[in-house]
Amino acid sequence: MQRSQWLAVFTGAIAILLGVGYLVLVQILDMRGEMIPAPLGTLARFYSFL
């Protein structure tokens, strides 16, 4: 294979690994359960410091 073909295979493999890693990360974060927003009282105290 020529150098450009090896480079294409290498970058394609990296792209696939990044895609699979992203899907694994999303699955791990999704297993944490339902996302519940912070209570409004907590946010008001935070913004009072700013």
N, C-alpha and C. Protein backbone atom coordinates (compact mmCIF):
# COMPACT_ATOMS: atom_id res chain seq x y z
N MET A 1 0.84 -1.19 0.00
CA MET A 1 0.00 0.00 0.00
C MET A 1 0.88 1.25 0.00
N GLN A 2 0.37 2.27 -0.61
CA GLN A 2 1.11 3.52 -0.62
C GLN A 2 0.92 4.23 0.71
N ARG A 3 1.75 5.23 0.92
CA ARG A 3 1.73 5.96 2.18
C ARG A 3 0.38 6.63 2.40
N SER A 4 -0.21 7.19 1.37
CA SER A 4 -1.50 7.89 1.52
C SER A 4 -2.61 6.91 1.90
N GLN A 5 -2.54 5.67 1.42
CA GLN A 5 -3.55 4.68 1.78
C GLN A 5 -3.39 4.27 3.24
N TRP A 6 -2.15 4.12 3.69
CA TRP A 6 -1.93 3.80 5.11
C TRP A 6 -2.43 4.92 6.00
N LEU A 7 -2.20 6.15 5.58
CA LEU A 7 -2.66 7.29 6.35
C LEU A 7 -4.18 7.32 6.42
N ALA A 8 -4.85 7.00 5.33
CA ALA A 8 -6.31 6.96 5.31
C ALA A 8 -6.84 5.87 6.23
N VAL A 9 -6.20 4.70 6.22
CA VAL A 9 -6.61 3.61 7.11
C VAL A 9 -6.39 4.00 8.56
N PHE A 10 -5.25 4.62 8.84
CA PHE A 10 -4.93 5.03 10.21
C PHE A 10 -5.92 6.06 10.73
N THR A 11 -6.21 7.09 9.94
CA THR A 11 -7.15 8.12 10.39
C THR A 11 -8.57 7.57 10.49
N GLY A 12 -8.92 6.63 9.62
CA GLY A 12 -10.23 5.99 9.72
C GLY A 12 -10.36 5.18 11.00
N ALA A 13 -9.29 4.47 11.36
CA ALA A 13 -9.31 3.69 12.61
C ALA A 13 -9.43 4.61 13.82
N ILE A 14 -8.74 5.73 13.79
CA ILE A 14 -8.84 6.69 14.89
C ILE A 14 -10.26 7.24 14.98
N ALA A 15 -10.87 7.54 13.84
CA ALA A 15 -12.24 8.06 13.84
C ALA A 15 -13.22 7.03 14.41
N ILE A 16 -13.03 5.78 14.06
CA ILE A 16 -13.90 4.73 14.59
C ILE A 16 -13.70 4.59 16.09
N LEU A 17 -12.46 4.63 16.56
CA LEU A 17 -12.20 4.53 18.00
C LEU A 17 -12.80 5.70 18.76
N LEU A 18 -12.70 6.90 18.21
CA LEU A 18 -13.31 8.06 18.86
C LEU A 18 -14.83 7.93 18.90
N GLY A 19 -15.42 7.43 17.83
CA GLY A 19 -16.87 7.24 17.80
C GLY A 19 -17.33 6.22 18.82
N VAL A 20 -16.63 5.10 18.91
CA VAL A 20 -16.98 4.07 19.89
C VAL A 20 -16.77 4.60 21.31
N GLY A 21 -15.68 5.32 21.53
CA GLY A 21 -15.44 5.91 22.84
C GLY A 21 -16.53 6.88 23.24
N TYR A 22 -17.00 7.67 22.29
CA TYR A 22 -18.09 8.61 22.57
C TYR A 22 -19.37 7.86 22.94
N LEU A 23 -19.68 6.80 22.21
CA LEU A 23 -20.88 6.02 22.52
C LEU A 23 -20.78 5.37 23.90
N VAL A 24 -19.59 4.88 24.27
CA VAL A 24 -19.40 4.30 25.60
C VAL A 24 -19.58 5.36 26.68
N LEU A 25 -19.02 6.55 26.45
CA LEU A 25 -19.17 7.64 27.41
C LEU A 25 -20.63 8.03 27.59
N VAL A 26 -21.37 8.11 26.51
CA VAL A 26 -22.79 8.46 26.59
C VAL A 26 -23.55 7.39 27.37
N GLN A 27 -23.24 6.12 27.12
CA GLN A 27 -23.92 5.05 27.85
C GLN A 27 -23.61 5.10 29.34
N ILE A 28 -22.37 5.39 29.69
CA ILE A 28 -21.99 5.48 31.11
C ILE A 28 -22.72 6.64 31.77
N LEU A 29 -22.76 7.79 31.11
CA LEU A 29 -23.46 8.94 31.68
C LEU A 29 -24.96 8.71 31.75
N ASP A 30 -25.51 7.95 30.81
CA ASP A 30 -26.94 7.67 30.80
C ASP A 30 -27.34 6.72 31.92
N MET A 31 -26.42 5.87 32.36
CA MET A 31 -26.73 4.92 33.43
C MET A 31 -26.87 5.61 34.78
N ARG A 32 -26.42 6.85 34.89
CA ARG A 32 -26.50 7.55 36.17
C ARG A 32 -27.93 7.85 36.57
N GLY A 33 -28.85 7.81 35.66
CA GLY A 33 -30.25 8.03 35.98
C GLY A 33 -30.76 9.35 35.44
N GLU A 34 -31.93 9.71 35.90
CA GLU A 34 -32.60 10.91 35.42
C GLU A 34 -31.86 12.16 35.88
N MET A 35 -31.75 13.13 34.98
CA MET A 35 -31.12 14.39 35.33
C MET A 35 -32.16 15.29 36.00
N ILE A 36 -31.89 15.66 37.24
CA ILE A 36 -32.80 16.51 38.00
C ILE A 36 -32.15 17.87 38.15
N PRO A 37 -32.86 18.95 37.77
CA PRO A 37 -32.25 20.27 37.88
C PRO A 37 -32.01 20.66 39.33
N ALA A 38 -31.08 21.57 39.52
CA ALA A 38 -30.77 22.05 40.86
C ALA A 38 -31.95 22.83 41.42
N PRO A 39 -32.15 22.79 42.73
CA PRO A 39 -33.22 23.58 43.33
C PRO A 39 -32.99 25.07 43.10
N LEU A 40 -34.06 25.82 42.93
CA LEU A 40 -33.93 27.24 42.64
C LEU A 40 -33.30 28.01 43.79
N GLY A 41 -33.51 27.59 45.01
CA GLY A 41 -32.91 28.26 46.16
C GLY A 41 -31.39 28.18 46.12
N THR A 42 -30.87 27.07 45.69
CA THR A 42 -29.43 26.90 45.58
C THR A 42 -28.86 27.83 44.52
N LEU A 43 -29.56 27.97 43.41
CA LEU A 43 -29.10 28.85 42.35
C LEU A 43 -29.12 30.31 42.79
N ALA A 44 -30.12 30.70 43.55
CA ALA A 44 -30.20 32.09 44.01
C ALA A 44 -29.03 32.42 44.94
N ARG A 45 -28.66 31.49 45.80
CA ARG A 45 -27.52 31.72 46.69
C ARG A 45 -26.22 31.81 45.90
N PHE A 46 -26.11 31.01 44.84
CA PHE A 46 -24.91 31.04 44.02
C PHE A 46 -24.78 32.39 43.31
N TYR A 47 -25.89 32.86 42.74
CA TYR A 47 -25.83 34.12 42.00
C TYR A 47 -25.68 35.32 42.92
N SER A 48 -26.02 35.19 44.20
CA SER A 48 -25.83 36.31 45.11
C SER A 48 -24.35 36.56 45.40
N PHE A 49 -23.51 35.51 45.25
CA PHE A 49 -22.07 35.67 45.44
C PHE A 49 -21.43 36.40 44.27
N LEU A 50 -22.06 36.36 43.09
CA LEU A 50 -21.47 37.01 41.91
C LEU A 50 -21.78 38.44 41.94
